[in-house]
Amino acid sequence: MQNNGSLGGEIVLFVLNFIIGSVIGGFALAWRLIVVVCYVSLTVYRLIVG
């Protein structure tokens, strides 16, 4: 952090960093859920077909 920066600017940067991290984390979570659904459905299909 800068010693001569205002407290408001630091809060804005913190909130922006938090929002960007949340968006990236949300996409990563959605991608993992999609992969899990694909693997589970493929496994169930293979068990049914034999």
N, C-alpha and C. Protein backbone atom coordinates (compact mmCIF):
# COMPACT_ATOMS: atom_id res chain seq x y z
N MET A 1 0.83 -1.18 0.00
CA MET A 1 0.00 0.00 0.00
C MET A 1 0.88 1.25 0.00
N GLN A 2 0.36 2.30 -0.58
CA GLN A 2 1.11 3.55 -0.61
C GLN A 2 0.87 4.31 0.68
N ASN A 3 1.91 4.94 1.15
CA ASN A 3 1.78 5.72 2.37
C ASN A 3 1.04 7.03 2.12
N ASN A 4 1.14 7.59 0.92
CA ASN A 4 0.49 8.86 0.64
C ASN A 4 -0.87 8.69 -0.04
N GLY A 5 -1.37 7.46 -0.19
CA GLY A 5 -2.66 7.23 -0.82
C GLY A 5 -3.79 7.49 0.16
N SER A 6 -4.96 7.80 -0.38
CA SER A 6 -6.10 8.04 0.49
C SER A 6 -6.74 6.71 0.89
N LEU A 7 -7.41 6.72 2.01
CA LEU A 7 -8.07 5.50 2.50
C LEU A 7 -9.19 5.08 1.56
N GLY A 8 -9.89 6.04 0.97
CA GLY A 8 -10.97 5.72 0.04
C GLY A 8 -10.46 4.99 -1.18
N GLY A 9 -9.31 5.41 -1.70
CA GLY A 9 -8.73 4.74 -2.85
C GLY A 9 -8.34 3.32 -2.54
N GLU A 10 -7.82 3.09 -1.35
CA GLU A 10 -7.43 1.73 -0.95
C GLU A 10 -8.67 0.84 -0.82
N ILE A 11 -9.75 1.39 -0.28
CA ILE A 11 -10.98 0.61 -0.14
C ILE A 11 -11.54 0.25 -1.51
N VAL A 12 -11.50 1.20 -2.45
CA VAL A 12 -12.00 0.93 -3.80
C VAL A 12 -11.17 -0.17 -4.45
N LEU A 13 -9.85 -0.11 -4.31
CA LEU A 13 -8.99 -1.14 -4.89
C LEU A 13 -9.27 -2.50 -4.26
N PHE A 14 -9.47 -2.52 -2.94
CA PHE A 14 -9.76 -3.79 -2.27
C PHE A 14 -11.07 -4.38 -2.77
N VAL A 15 -12.10 -3.55 -2.88
CA VAL A 15 -13.42 -4.04 -3.35
C VAL A 15 -13.32 -4.51 -4.79
N LEU A 16 -12.61 -3.76 -5.64
CA LEU A 16 -12.45 -4.17 -7.03
C LEU A 16 -11.71 -5.49 -7.13
N ASN A 17 -10.67 -5.65 -6.34
CA ASN A 17 -9.91 -6.90 -6.31
C ASN A 17 -10.81 -8.06 -5.85
N PHE A 18 -11.63 -7.80 -4.86
CA PHE A 18 -12.54 -8.83 -4.36
C PHE A 18 -13.55 -9.23 -5.43
N ILE A 19 -14.09 -8.26 -6.16
CA ILE A 19 -15.08 -8.55 -7.20
C ILE A 19 -14.44 -9.35 -8.34
N ILE A 20 -13.26 -8.94 -8.77
CA ILE A 20 -12.58 -9.65 -9.86
C ILE A 20 -12.26 -11.08 -9.44
N GLY A 21 -11.79 -11.26 -8.23
CA GLY A 21 -11.51 -12.60 -7.72
C GLY A 21 -12.76 -13.46 -7.64
N SER A 22 -13.86 -12.85 -7.27
CA SER A 22 -15.11 -13.60 -7.19
C SER A 22 -15.58 -14.04 -8.57
N VAL A 23 -15.42 -13.17 -9.57
CA VAL A 23 -15.84 -13.53 -10.93
C VAL A 23 -14.98 -14.68 -11.45
N ILE A 24 -13.66 -14.58 -11.25
CA ILE A 24 -12.77 -15.65 -11.71
C ILE A 24 -13.07 -16.95 -10.98
N GLY A 25 -13.28 -16.87 -9.67
CA GLY A 25 -13.63 -18.06 -8.90
C GLY A 25 -14.95 -18.66 -9.32
N GLY A 26 -15.92 -17.81 -9.67
CA GLY A 26 -17.21 -18.29 -10.14
C GLY A 26 -17.09 -19.06 -11.44
N PHE A 27 -16.28 -18.54 -12.38
CA PHE A 27 -16.08 -19.25 -13.64
C PHE A 27 -15.37 -20.58 -13.40
N ALA A 28 -14.39 -20.60 -12.51
CA ALA A 28 -13.67 -21.85 -12.22
C ALA A 28 -14.62 -22.87 -11.60
N LEU A 29 -15.47 -22.43 -10.68
CA LEU A 29 -16.42 -23.34 -10.06
C LEU A 29 -17.42 -23.87 -11.08
N ALA A 30 -17.93 -23.00 -11.95
CA ALA A 30 -18.88 -23.43 -12.97
C ALA A 30 -18.23 -24.44 -13.91
N TRP A 31 -16.98 -24.21 -14.30
CA TRP A 31 -16.28 -25.13 -15.19
C TRP A 31 -16.13 -26.50 -14.54
N ARG A 32 -15.75 -26.54 -13.25
CA ARG A 32 -15.59 -27.81 -12.56
C ARG A 32 -16.93 -28.54 -12.43
N LEU A 33 -18.00 -27.81 -12.20
CA LEU A 33 -19.32 -28.45 -12.11
C LEU A 33 -19.73 -29.03 -13.45
N ILE A 34 -19.44 -28.32 -14.55
CA ILE A 34 -19.75 -28.85 -15.88
C ILE A 34 -18.97 -30.13 -16.14
N VAL A 35 -17.69 -30.14 -15.78
CA VAL A 35 -16.86 -31.33 -15.99
C VAL A 35 -17.40 -32.51 -15.17
N VAL A 36 -17.79 -32.25 -13.93
CA VAL A 36 -18.32 -33.32 -13.07
C VAL A 36 -19.61 -33.88 -13.66
N VAL A 37 -20.49 -33.02 -14.14
CA VAL A 37 -21.75 -33.49 -14.73
C VAL A 37 -21.45 -34.36 -15.95
N CYS A 38 -20.49 -33.95 -16.77
CA CYS A 38 -20.14 -34.75 -17.96
C CYS A 38 -19.60 -36.12 -17.56
N TYR A 39 -18.69 -36.16 -16.58
CA TYR A 39 -18.12 -37.44 -16.16
C TYR A 39 -19.16 -38.35 -15.53
N VAL A 40 -20.04 -37.80 -14.71
CA VAL A 40 -21.06 -38.61 -14.06
C VAL A 40 -22.03 -39.16 -15.09
N SER A 41 -22.47 -38.32 -16.01
CA SER A 41 -23.41 -38.80 -17.03
C SER A 41 -22.75 -39.85 -17.92
N LEU A 42 -21.48 -39.68 -18.26
CA LEU A 42 -20.78 -40.67 -19.07
C LEU A 42 -20.64 -41.99 -18.31
N THR A 43 -20.35 -41.92 -17.02
CA THR A 43 -20.21 -43.13 -16.22
C THR A 43 -21.55 -43.87 -16.11
N VAL A 44 -22.62 -43.13 -15.88
CA VAL A 44 -23.94 -43.75 -15.80
C VAL A 44 -24.30 -44.39 -17.14
N TYR A 45 -24.02 -43.72 -18.22
CA TYR A 45 -24.28 -44.28 -19.56
C TYR A 45 -23.51 -45.57 -19.78
N ARG A 46 -22.23 -45.58 -19.40
CA ARG A 46 -21.42 -46.79 -19.58
C ARG A 46 -21.93 -47.93 -18.70
N LEU A 47 -22.42 -47.61 -17.50
CA LEU A 47 -22.94 -48.67 -16.63
C LEU A 47 -24.24 -49.25 -17.20
N ILE A 48 -25.08 -48.39 -17.80
CA ILE A 48 -26.34 -48.86 -18.34
C ILE A 48 -26.10 -49.69 -19.61
N VAL A 49 -25.25 -49.19 -20.50
CA VAL A 49 -25.00 -49.87 -21.77
C VAL A 49 -24.18 -51.13 -21.52
N GLY A 50 -23.26 -51.06 -20.61
CA GLY A 50 -22.47 -52.24 -20.26
C GLY A 50 -21.21 -52.30 -21.07
